[in-house]
Amino acid sequence: MTSETPADARKGSRTVLGDGAITVAERVISQAAQFAIFIVAARVLGPAEFGLFALVSACAILLFRVSEFGWAPFIMAWSGEARVPRQVLFIAMICGTAISLLGILGARIGGGLGLAADTVLLMEYFAIWVALATVSSAQKGILIWQHRMKASAICEIAGELVGIGVAVGALLQGQGVLSLAYGRLAYQGTHLGLSFACTRMVPLPGLRGQVLRDLWTFSTQIFVSRMFIYVRLYLATFIVGGFLGTTAVGYYRAADRLVSAVAEIIAVPGQLLAWTRLRLARDGGDEAGQSDRLRRELRAFMKMLFAISAPVFLWLICMSDELIHGLLSAEWQAAAPLVAILALSRLFFLFGLLTEPVMSVSGHARALPVFTGLVFALSTALTFGAVHLGLYALAWAQVLIAGLVMLATLWLFNRYVGVTPREIVTDIWRAVFPLALGTGVLVALDQGTATMGLPDLLEAIGFGLVALGTYLVAIWRLDPALWAAMSSGFRKRVMS
């Protein structure tokens, strides 16, 4: 078994943080672009038009989730020759085209049943988007398989910038709800063209035999697992609306949108980096040492993920009032406690981000559908039970669900990868005191300036930066190894 040298460790840390930085930048730009489109659309469109867009968009997203199946995860987990990813890409194109044609057929049938012409056209545009998005998803998987996360992020950023330009321009020119479909198509078309230019891999037919059976088995497991998650996410909103009314939905969605926007900046880079780093660890030596390499990489990755992510969620918890009041208005203040509660649930769910890449790369993807199915059943039961006690009780139920998922995730890692909960606690323990110190500074600043009348966003951002500086100094003094790993990715590379 090969041993990792200090130089290898530093190089690996630089790679993780460098790839992570550009991927985080991509998520930030994506969230900012989507938020800007939302603001302009809400001011230009009426509630009926925007509601129509939301309904058609939700249906299109569900079609896309069916169409993308599990092609990209199979590509990202593949460890053989380049011919197979090209063949999977071809299958993704066929599947996307077929689902797109079904969507167009459904739109035409709806038109025959009396839907307005603009609605039919909107549905058709989104059906075309499904085909483009399916191939884009597989292309992104190929870029990650090629260890080209920076190229993948650049393609996403370029697509988002083109998309926001087209959508906002069309809105201001009076194109109505179709403007949002134009933006989606422009984004996806740009991403698809650039990603093909980067991969230079032409789709190839002919996948058959054992690899085709492996693709079907693996992708089915991923698909079932993901659909449980997607349905669970949509179900929470429907339950709130059905039992508590539209006002409660507004508060819940506002809080969840804010927390999700921040969480996605962590979740997407975290998952993509996990796919890359775990697969490199698996394939980076002889087969006999594979388990040890996966264990070491998973432990190091979880420690880094916790150290980087936990301060963000604690900031959301402490600054929820200021964020809601500063971003929205006093009218939305009832959503502030929900922000804090939902941020706490995301903190507990942190290691759950790694479940899919860990189980897939380690060869245990077959356990994912059962795991996510149990989580779906548990979360549905608890959400239905809590909604009768009110909106805040429902939010606290999400914390309970996340805590149970965290315990189950740690059990999975112990059973299938051999990383014990004791090892995880030992790895992250040194970051706990710096977190407590930084959080204490944040709370002290917030309480100490309560009567000064500072702008809410200034408090949230300014106090957050002071607390972050305190946290980083404490890490530097108390955990030099973690500080070296965190800081090495941001140093200039004077030598290649």
Protein backbone atom coordinates (compact mmCIF):
# COMPACT_ATOMS: atom_id res chain seq x y z
CA MET A 1 0.00 0.00 0.00
CA THR A 2 1.36 3.41 -0.92
CA SER A 3 1.73 6.06 1.78
CA GLU A 4 0.81 9.71 1.39
CA THR A 5 3.66 12.17 1.75
CA PRO A 6 3.28 15.66 3.27
CA ALA A 7 3.71 17.13 -0.21
CA ASP A 8 0.87 14.91 -1.46
CA ALA A 9 -1.33 16.03 1.43
CA ARG A 10 -0.67 19.70 0.74
CA LYS A 11 -1.33 19.20 -2.95
CA GLY A 12 -4.59 17.41 -2.16
CA SER A 13 -5.69 20.20 0.17
CA ARG A 14 -4.90 22.82 -2.46
CA THR A 15 -6.87 20.86 -5.02
CA VAL A 16 -9.90 20.47 -2.74
CA LEU A 17 -9.97 24.12 -1.72
CA GLY A 18 -9.16 25.42 -5.19
CA ASP A 19 -11.90 23.36 -6.80
CA GLY A 20 -14.20 24.17 -3.90
CA ALA A 21 -13.61 27.92 -4.24
CA ILE A 22 -14.58 28.08 -7.92
CA THR A 23 -17.58 25.81 -7.31
CA VAL A 24 -18.72 27.98 -4.40
CA ALA A 25 -18.33 31.03 -6.66
CA GLU A 26 -20.51 29.31 -9.24
CA ARG A 27 -23.20 28.63 -6.62
CA VAL A 28 -23.06 32.22 -5.35
CA ILE A 29 -23.44 33.60 -8.88
CA SER A 30 -26.23 31.12 -9.62
CA GLN A 31 -28.17 32.06 -6.49
CA ALA A 32 -27.65 35.78 -7.15
CA ALA A 33 -28.84 35.42 -10.76
CA GLN A 34 -31.94 33.46 -9.78
CA PHE A 35 -32.75 35.93 -7.01
CA ALA A 36 -32.41 38.88 -9.40
CA ILE A 37 -34.71 37.22 -11.93
CA PHE A 38 -37.22 36.52 -9.16
CA ILE A 39 -37.24 40.18 -8.03
CA VAL A 40 -37.72 41.54 -11.56
CA ALA A 41 -40.35 38.93 -12.42
CA ALA A 42 -42.30 39.60 -9.22
CA ARG A 43 -42.44 43.32 -10.07
CA VAL A 44 -43.25 42.94 -13.77
CA LEU A 45 -45.61 39.95 -13.73
CA GLY A 46 -48.90 39.71 -11.88
CA PRO A 47 -49.59 36.97 -9.31
CA ALA A 48 -51.57 34.91 -11.81
CA GLU A 49 -48.81 34.90 -14.43
CA PHE A 50 -46.11 34.15 -11.91
CA GLY A 51 -48.22 31.36 -10.42
CA LEU A 52 -48.65 29.88 -13.88
CA PHE A 53 -44.90 29.91 -14.40
CA ALA A 54 -44.30 28.28 -11.00
CA LEU A 55 -46.77 25.48 -11.77
CA VAL A 56 -45.40 24.71 -15.24
CA SER A 57 -41.82 24.99 -13.98
CA ALA A 58 -42.50 22.53 -11.14
CA CYS A 59 -43.97 20.01 -13.57
CA ALA A 60 -40.97 20.44 -15.89
CA ILE A 61 -38.52 19.92 -13.04
CA LEU A 62 -40.22 16.66 -12.08
CA LEU A 63 -40.03 15.52 -15.73
CA PHE A 64 -36.35 16.46 -15.76
CA ARG A 65 -35.69 14.43 -12.61
CA VAL A 66 -37.24 11.41 -14.31
CA SER A 67 -35.29 12.06 -17.52
CA GLU A 68 -31.87 12.51 -15.90
CA PHE A 69 -32.43 9.21 -14.02
CA GLY A 70 -28.98 8.31 -12.65
CA TRP A 71 -26.80 8.82 -15.72
CA ALA A 72 -24.49 11.48 -14.25
CA PRO A 73 -23.76 9.62 -10.97
CA PHE A 74 -22.86 6.48 -12.94
CA ILE A 75 -20.43 8.49 -15.05
CA MET A 76 -18.89 10.15 -11.98
CA ALA A 77 -18.41 6.78 -10.28
CA TRP A 78 -16.97 5.11 -13.42
CA SER A 79 -13.32 4.05 -13.20
CA GLY A 80 -12.72 2.56 -16.65
CA GLU A 81 -12.14 3.77 -20.20
CA ALA A 82 -13.70 6.85 -21.80
CA ARG A 83 -15.88 4.88 -24.21
CA VAL A 84 -18.49 4.05 -21.53
CA PRO A 85 -19.18 7.68 -20.46
CA ARG A 86 -19.71 8.53 -24.13
CA GLN A 87 -22.19 5.67 -24.43
CA VAL A 88 -24.03 6.75 -21.27
CA LEU A 89 -24.17 10.28 -22.70
CA PHE A 90 -25.86 8.87 -25.80
CA ILE A 91 -28.46 7.12 -23.62
CA ALA A 92 -29.06 10.39 -21.75
CA MET A 93 -29.70 12.16 -25.06
CA ILE A 94 -32.22 9.51 -26.15
CA CYS A 95 -33.98 9.59 -22.79
CA GLY A 96 -34.10 13.40 -22.70
CA THR A 97 -35.51 13.56 -26.21
CA ALA A 98 -38.18 10.96 -25.45
CA ILE A 99 -39.34 12.71 -22.26
CA SER A 100 -39.29 16.05 -24.09
CA LEU A 101 -41.54 14.70 -26.83
CA LEU A 102 -43.93 13.36 -24.20
CA GLY A 103 -44.01 16.80 -22.62
CA ILE A 104 -44.78 18.47 -25.95
CA LEU A 105 -47.52 15.90 -26.59
CA GLY A 106 -48.99 16.64 -23.17
CA ALA A 107 -48.94 20.37 -23.94
CA ARG A 108 -50.78 19.80 -27.24
CA ILE A 109 -53.36 17.62 -25.50
CA GLY A 110 -53.82 20.37 -22.91
CA GLY A 111 -54.36 22.87 -25.72
CA GLY A 112 -57.04 20.63 -27.17
CA LEU A 113 -58.73 20.55 -23.76
CA GLY A 114 -58.90 24.32 -23.57
CA LEU A 115 -55.58 25.61 -22.21
CA ALA A 116 -54.63 29.07 -23.43
CA ALA A 117 -52.20 29.29 -26.35
CA ASP A 118 -49.54 31.05 -24.24
CA THR A 119 -49.77 28.33 -21.61
CA VAL A 120 -49.33 25.62 -24.25
CA LEU A 121 -46.33 27.46 -25.69
CA LEU A 122 -44.81 27.82 -22.21
CA MET A 123 -45.22 24.09 -21.62
CA GLU A 124 -43.61 23.30 -24.96
CA TYR A 125 -40.63 25.53 -24.21
CA PHE A 126 -40.12 23.80 -20.88
CA ALA A 127 -40.43 20.40 -22.55
CA ILE A 128 -37.55 21.40 -24.83
CA TRP A 129 -35.65 22.58 -21.75
CA VAL A 130 -35.99 19.07 -20.27
CA ALA A 131 -34.08 17.58 -23.21
CA LEU A 132 -31.29 20.17 -22.95
CA ALA A 133 -31.05 19.88 -19.16
CA THR A 134 -30.81 16.08 -19.29
CA VAL A 135 -27.81 16.16 -21.62
CA SER A 136 -26.27 19.01 -19.61
CA SER A 137 -26.52 16.91 -16.46
CA ALA A 138 -24.66 14.03 -18.12
CA GLN A 139 -22.08 16.46 -19.53
CA LYS A 140 -21.48 17.85 -16.05
CA GLY A 141 -20.95 14.29 -14.84
CA ILE A 142 -18.30 13.81 -17.54
CA LEU A 143 -16.49 16.99 -16.50
CA ILE A 144 -16.40 15.80 -12.88
CA TRP A 145 -15.22 12.36 -14.09
CA GLN A 146 -12.40 14.14 -15.93
CA HIS A 147 -11.46 16.00 -12.70
CA ARG A 148 -12.34 19.32 -14.35
CA MET A 149 -14.46 20.96 -11.69
CA LYS A 150 -13.20 24.42 -12.60
CA ALA A 151 -14.32 23.96 -16.21
CA SER A 152 -17.69 22.68 -14.99
CA ALA A 153 -18.14 25.73 -12.76
CA ILE A 154 -17.14 28.13 -15.56
CA CYS A 155 -19.72 26.55 -17.88
CA GLU A 156 -22.38 27.00 -15.20
CA ILE A 157 -21.39 30.63 -14.54
CA ALA A 158 -21.45 31.51 -18.24
CA GLY A 159 -24.86 29.88 -18.61
CA GLU A 160 -26.28 31.76 -15.63
CA LEU A 161 -25.02 35.12 -16.92
CA VAL A 162 -26.50 34.54 -20.38
CA GLY A 163 -29.75 33.28 -18.83
CA ILE A 164 -30.24 36.29 -16.57
CA GLY A 165 -29.50 38.66 -19.45
CA VAL A 166 -32.08 37.02 -21.70
CA ALA A 167 -34.76 36.66 -18.98
CA VAL A 168 -34.49 40.19 -17.59
CA GLY A 169 -34.21 41.72 -21.06
CA ALA A 170 -37.31 39.91 -22.26
CA LEU A 171 -39.23 40.84 -19.09
CA LEU A 172 -38.41 44.53 -19.52
CA GLN A 173 -39.48 44.32 -23.18
CA GLY A 174 -42.90 43.03 -22.17
CA GLN A 175 -42.54 39.38 -23.21
CA GLY A 176 -44.41 38.31 -20.07
CA VAL A 177 -44.16 34.88 -18.50
CA LEU A 178 -42.48 33.44 -21.59
CA SER A 179 -39.43 35.55 -20.69
CA LEU A 180 -38.61 33.14 -17.88
CA ALA A 181 -38.71 30.20 -20.28
CA TYR A 182 -36.43 32.09 -22.67
CA GLY A 183 -33.97 32.58 -19.82
CA ARG A 184 -34.01 28.88 -18.93
CA LEU A 185 -33.43 27.85 -22.53
CA ALA A 186 -30.62 30.39 -22.97
CA TYR A 187 -28.90 29.22 -19.80
CA GLN A 188 -29.15 25.56 -20.67
CA GLY A 189 -28.11 26.01 -24.30
CA THR A 190 -25.03 28.03 -23.29
CA HIS A 191 -24.02 25.48 -20.68
CA LEU A 192 -24.49 22.61 -23.10
CA GLY A 193 -22.44 24.20 -25.87
CA LEU A 194 -19.56 25.14 -23.57
CA SER A 195 -19.49 21.78 -21.82
CA PHE A 196 -19.26 19.94 -25.15
CA ALA A 197 -16.42 22.26 -26.13
CA CYS A 198 -14.64 21.35 -22.88
CA THR A 199 -15.14 17.58 -22.87
CA ARG A 200 -14.76 17.05 -26.64
CA MET A 201 -16.52 13.72 -26.16
CA VAL A 202 -19.02 12.81 -28.86
CA PRO A 203 -21.97 10.61 -27.77
CA LEU A 204 -21.48 7.01 -28.80
CA PRO A 205 -24.16 4.32 -29.21
CA GLY A 206 -23.63 0.66 -28.51
CA LEU A 207 -23.60 0.15 -24.72
CA ARG A 208 -24.52 -3.45 -24.04
CA GLY A 209 -23.72 -6.49 -21.97
CA GLN A 210 -22.68 -6.37 -18.33
CA VAL A 211 -21.92 -2.64 -18.35
CA LEU A 212 -25.45 -1.88 -19.54
CA ARG A 213 -26.87 -4.07 -16.78
CA ASP A 214 -24.63 -2.33 -14.26
CA LEU A 215 -25.80 1.05 -15.55
CA TRP A 216 -29.44 0.08 -15.18
CA THR A 217 -28.97 -1.35 -11.68
CA PHE A 218 -26.86 1.55 -10.40
CA SER A 219 -28.96 4.30 -12.00
CA THR A 220 -32.22 2.77 -10.78
CA GLN A 221 -30.88 2.77 -7.23
CA ILE A 222 -29.81 6.42 -7.50
CA PHE A 223 -33.09 7.42 -9.18
CA VAL A 224 -35.32 5.83 -6.56
CA SER A 225 -33.20 7.33 -3.78
CA ARG A 226 -33.33 10.82 -5.28
CA MET A 227 -37.05 10.71 -6.06
CA PHE A 228 -37.79 9.99 -2.41
CA ILE A 229 -35.85 13.15 -1.58
CA TYR A 230 -37.49 15.31 -4.25
CA VAL A 231 -41.01 14.20 -3.36
CA ARG A 232 -40.28 14.74 0.34
CA LEU A 233 -39.16 18.33 -0.35
CA TYR A 234 -42.29 19.17 -2.34
CA LEU A 235 -44.54 17.37 0.12
CA ALA A 236 -43.59 19.64 3.06
CA THR A 237 -44.85 22.71 1.20
CA PHE A 238 -48.09 21.01 0.19
CA ILE A 239 -48.72 19.91 3.78
CA VAL A 240 -48.21 23.46 5.08
CA GLY A 241 -50.59 24.85 2.46
CA GLY A 242 -53.22 22.17 3.02
CA PHE A 243 -53.34 22.50 6.81
CA LEU A 244 -52.20 26.05 7.63
CA GLY A 245 -53.15 28.15 4.60
CA THR A 246 -51.37 30.36 2.10
CA THR A 247 -50.00 32.88 4.62
CA ALA A 248 -48.17 30.12 6.46
CA VAL A 249 -46.83 28.85 3.14
CA GLY A 250 -45.47 32.33 2.45
CA TYR A 251 -43.60 32.48 5.74
CA TYR A 252 -42.30 28.93 5.42
CA ARG A 253 -41.17 29.33 1.81
CA ALA A 254 -39.48 32.66 2.53
CA ALA A 255 -37.48 31.13 5.39
CA ASP A 256 -36.73 27.94 3.51
CA ARG A 257 -35.66 29.87 0.41
CA LEU A 258 -33.17 31.93 2.39
CA VAL A 259 -31.70 28.92 4.20
CA SER A 260 -31.66 26.85 1.00
CA ALA A 261 -29.84 29.58 -0.91
CA VAL A 262 -27.03 29.52 1.63
CA ALA A 263 -27.10 25.74 2.07
CA GLU A 264 -26.82 25.12 -1.68
CA ILE A 265 -23.59 27.13 -1.78
CA ILE A 266 -22.23 24.48 0.60
CA ALA A 267 -24.09 21.39 -0.57
CA VAL A 268 -23.36 21.44 -4.30
CA PRO A 269 -19.57 22.00 -4.05
CA GLY A 270 -19.43 19.60 -1.10
CA GLN A 271 -21.09 16.77 -2.99
CA LEU A 272 -19.11 17.32 -6.20
CA LEU A 273 -15.83 17.46 -4.30
CA ALA A 274 -16.81 14.32 -2.41
CA TRP A 275 -17.45 12.45 -5.66
CA THR A 276 -14.03 13.52 -6.98
CA ARG A 277 -11.95 13.01 -3.84
CA LEU A 278 -13.49 9.68 -2.85
CA ARG A 279 -13.13 8.23 -6.33
CA LEU A 280 -9.50 9.38 -6.47
CA ALA A 281 -8.90 7.75 -3.09
CA ARG A 282 -10.54 4.52 -4.24
CA ASP A 283 -8.53 4.31 -7.45
CA GLY A 284 -5.29 5.81 -6.15
CA GLY A 285 -3.46 2.59 -5.33
CA ASP A 286 -3.68 -1.16 -5.06
CA GLU A 287 -6.99 -2.84 -4.32
CA ALA A 288 -5.83 -4.15 -0.95
CA GLY A 289 -5.49 -0.62 0.43
CA GLN A 290 -8.73 0.70 -1.06
CA SER A 291 -10.72 0.57 2.18
CA ASP A 292 -8.03 2.36 4.17
CA ARG A 293 -7.75 5.10 1.53
CA LEU A 294 -11.51 5.64 1.51
CA ARG A 295 -11.61 5.79 5.31
CA ARG A 296 -8.84 8.38 5.49
CA GLU A 297 -10.32 10.52 2.74
CA LEU A 298 -13.81 10.42 4.22
CA ARG A 299 -12.57 11.41 7.69
CA ALA A 300 -10.48 14.28 6.32
CA PHE A 301 -13.32 15.46 4.09
CA MET A 302 -15.91 15.39 6.90
CA LYS A 303 -13.62 17.42 9.17
CA MET A 304 -13.06 20.03 6.47
CA LEU A 305 -16.77 20.13 5.58
CA PHE A 306 -17.75 20.69 9.21
CA ALA A 307 -15.09 23.35 9.78
CA ILE A 308 -16.15 25.35 6.73
CA SER A 309 -19.93 24.88 6.92
CA ALA A 310 -20.85 25.03 10.60
CA PRO A 311 -19.98 28.75 11.02
CA VAL A 312 -22.32 29.63 8.14
CA PHE A 313 -25.34 27.89 9.67
CA LEU A 314 -24.59 29.30 13.13
CA TRP A 315 -24.48 32.76 11.54
CA LEU A 316 -27.91 32.17 9.99
CA ILE A 317 -29.27 31.05 13.36
CA CYS A 318 -27.93 34.10 15.23
CA MET A 319 -28.68 36.70 12.54
CA SER A 320 -32.08 35.45 11.36
CA ASP A 321 -33.98 38.53 12.58
CA GLU A 322 -31.57 40.95 10.92
CA LEU A 323 -31.53 39.01 7.64
CA ILE A 324 -35.31 38.81 7.30
CA HIS A 325 -35.86 42.45 8.25
CA GLY A 326 -33.00 43.66 6.04
CA LEU A 327 -33.78 41.58 2.96
CA LEU A 328 -37.58 41.71 3.13
CA SER A 329 -39.49 43.89 5.61
CA ALA A 330 -41.02 43.91 9.07
CA GLU A 331 -44.10 42.27 7.53
CA TRP A 332 -42.08 39.08 7.15
CA GLN A 333 -40.65 39.08 10.68
CA ALA A 334 -42.64 35.96 11.61
CA ALA A 335 -40.35 34.05 9.24
CA ALA A 336 -37.22 34.91 11.26
CA PRO A 337 -37.64 32.13 13.87
CA LEU A 338 -38.24 29.72 11.01
CA VAL A 339 -34.90 30.72 9.46
CA ALA A 340 -33.10 29.88 12.71
CA ILE A 341 -34.90 26.56 13.14
CA LEU A 342 -34.44 25.44 9.54
CA ALA A 343 -30.76 26.48 9.62
CA LEU A 344 -30.31 24.24 12.68
CA SER A 345 -31.89 21.36 10.75
CA ARG A 346 -29.45 21.92 7.86
CA LEU A 347 -26.54 21.88 10.32
CA PHE A 348 -27.64 18.47 11.61
CA PHE A 349 -28.09 17.25 8.04
CA LEU A 350 -24.55 18.32 7.07
CA PHE A 351 -22.97 14.87 6.76
CA GLY A 352 -26.05 13.58 4.93
CA LEU A 353 -24.71 15.44 1.89
CA LEU A 354 -22.05 12.76 1.58
CA THR A 355 -24.33 9.71 1.72
CA GLU A 356 -24.82 9.32 -2.03
CA PRO A 357 -21.16 9.72 -3.11
CA VAL A 358 -19.85 7.63 -0.18
CA MET A 359 -22.23 4.73 -0.76
CA SER A 360 -21.83 4.84 -4.56
CA VAL A 361 -18.04 5.04 -4.69
CA SER A 362 -17.67 2.35 -2.01
CA GLY A 363 -19.89 -0.01 -4.04
CA HIS A 364 -22.96 0.00 -1.77
CA ALA A 365 -25.41 2.09 -3.80
CA ARG A 366 -27.97 -0.69 -3.47
CA ALA A 367 -28.60 0.43 0.12
CA LEU A 368 -29.57 3.98 -0.91
CA PRO A 369 -33.22 3.35 -1.97
CA VAL A 370 -34.01 1.57 1.28
CA PHE A 371 -32.28 4.27 3.32
CA THR A 372 -33.98 7.21 1.59
CA GLY A 373 -37.31 5.35 1.55
CA LEU A 374 -37.17 4.98 5.33
CA VAL A 375 -36.21 8.66 5.68
CA PHE A 376 -39.14 9.61 3.42
CA ALA A 377 -41.62 7.57 5.47
CA LEU A 378 -40.29 8.93 8.77
CA SER A 379 -40.23 12.56 7.65
CA THR A 380 -43.71 12.35 6.15
CA ALA A 381 -45.16 10.89 9.36
CA LEU A 382 -43.44 13.45 11.61
CA THR A 383 -44.39 16.36 9.34
CA PHE A 384 -48.03 15.29 9.22
CA GLY A 385 -48.04 14.92 12.99
CA ALA A 386 -46.34 18.24 13.71
CA VAL A 387 -48.40 20.38 11.34
CA HIS A 388 -51.41 20.04 13.68
CA LEU A 389 -49.40 21.88 16.35
CA GLY A 390 -48.59 24.87 14.15
CA LEU A 391 -45.95 26.20 11.78
CA TYR A 392 -43.10 26.41 14.26
CA ALA A 393 -43.76 22.89 15.49
CA LEU A 394 -43.54 21.71 11.90
CA ALA A 395 -40.17 23.47 11.56
CA TRP A 396 -38.90 21.83 14.76
CA ALA A 397 -40.01 18.50 13.31
CA GLN A 398 -37.52 19.10 10.49
CA VAL A 399 -34.78 19.45 13.13
CA LEU A 400 -35.83 16.12 14.66
CA ILE A 401 -35.86 14.50 11.23
CA ALA A 402 -32.39 15.90 10.44
CA GLY A 403 -31.05 14.63 13.77
CA LEU A 404 -32.36 11.14 13.12
CA VAL A 405 -30.96 11.21 9.57
CA MET A 406 -27.57 12.26 10.98
CA LEU A 407 -27.52 9.27 13.35
CA ALA A 408 -28.54 6.92 10.53
CA THR A 409 -25.87 8.42 8.25
CA LEU A 410 -23.16 7.87 10.84
CA TRP A 411 -24.35 4.28 11.17
CA LEU A 412 -24.08 3.82 7.39
CA PHE A 413 -20.54 5.21 7.34
CA ASN A 414 -19.55 2.91 10.19
CA ARG A 415 -21.04 -0.20 8.63
CA TYR A 416 -20.04 0.27 5.00
CA VAL A 417 -16.84 2.34 5.15
CA GLY A 418 -15.59 1.61 8.65
CA VAL A 419 -15.53 5.22 9.90
CA THR A 420 -16.88 5.15 13.47
CA PRO A 421 -18.83 7.96 15.19
CA ARG A 422 -16.03 8.17 17.79
CA GLU A 423 -13.51 8.89 15.02
CA ILE A 424 -15.75 11.58 13.55
CA VAL A 425 -16.21 13.28 16.93
CA THR A 426 -12.47 13.10 17.55
CA ASP A 427 -11.75 14.66 14.15
CA ILE A 428 -14.09 17.64 14.57
CA TRP A 429 -13.67 18.18 18.30
CA ARG A 430 -10.95 20.81 18.02
CA ALA A 431 -13.21 22.98 15.88
CA VAL A 432 -15.93 23.08 18.55
CA PHE A 433 -14.27 25.64 20.86
CA PRO A 434 -13.40 28.03 18.00
CA LEU A 435 -17.03 27.74 16.84
CA ALA A 436 -18.29 28.51 20.34
CA LEU A 437 -15.90 31.45 20.61
CA GLY A 438 -16.91 32.92 17.26
CA THR A 439 -20.61 32.42 18.02
CA GLY A 440 -20.18 34.07 21.41
CA VAL A 441 -18.58 37.12 19.79
CA LEU A 442 -21.44 37.28 17.27
CA VAL A 443 -24.12 37.15 19.98
CA ALA A 444 -22.27 39.70 22.16
CA LEU A 445 -22.02 42.17 19.28
CA ASP A 446 -25.69 41.68 18.41
CA GLN A 447 -26.87 42.20 21.99
CA GLY A 448 -24.41 44.99 22.78
CA THR A 449 -25.50 47.16 19.85
CA ALA A 450 -29.24 46.53 20.11
CA THR A 451 -30.00 50.17 20.98
CA MET A 452 -27.70 51.77 18.39
CA GLY A 453 -30.11 51.46 15.46
CA LEU A 454 -27.59 50.10 12.97
CA PRO A 455 -28.91 48.92 9.57
CA ASP A 456 -29.93 45.27 9.78
CA LEU A 457 -27.87 44.02 6.84
CA LEU A 458 -24.85 45.94 8.11
CA GLU A 459 -25.18 44.17 11.45
CA ALA A 460 -25.65 40.76 9.84
CA ILE A 461 -22.68 41.08 7.48
CA GLY A 462 -20.34 43.16 9.66
CA PHE A 463 -20.82 41.17 12.87
CA GLY A 464 -20.56 37.95 10.85
CA LEU A 465 -17.17 38.96 9.46
CA VAL A 466 -15.86 39.84 12.96
CA ALA A 467 -17.09 36.49 14.29
CA LEU A 468 -15.54 34.68 11.32
CA GLY A 469 -12.19 36.37 11.98
CA THR A 470 -12.37 35.30 15.62
CA TYR A 471 -13.14 31.73 14.58
CA LEU A 472 -10.25 31.58 12.10
CA VAL A 473 -7.76 32.97 14.61
CA ALA A 474 -8.90 30.36 17.13
CA ILE A 475 -8.49 27.60 14.53
CA TRP A 476 -5.01 28.91 13.72
CA ARG A 477 -3.98 28.75 17.37
CA LEU A 478 -5.76 25.57 18.47
CA ASP A 479 -5.69 23.29 15.41
CA PRO A 480 -2.60 24.04 13.28
CA ALA A 481 -3.18 20.98 11.07
CA LEU A 482 -6.70 22.08 10.16
CA TRP A 483 -5.52 25.65 9.64
CA ALA A 484 -2.75 24.44 7.31
CA ALA A 485 -5.24 22.42 5.29
CA MET A 486 -7.71 25.32 5.08
CA SER A 487 -5.16 27.99 4.25
CA SER A 488 -2.96 26.03 1.82
CA GLY A 489 -5.61 26.16 -0.92
CA PHE A 490 -5.51 29.95 -0.94
CA ARG A 491 -1.76 30.41 -1.15
CA LYS A 492 -0.17 31.28 -4.45
CA ARG A 493 1.41 28.36 -6.20
CA VAL A 494 4.99 29.44 -6.65
CA MET A 495 5.92 25.99 -7.88
CA SER A 496 3.96 23.63 -10.08
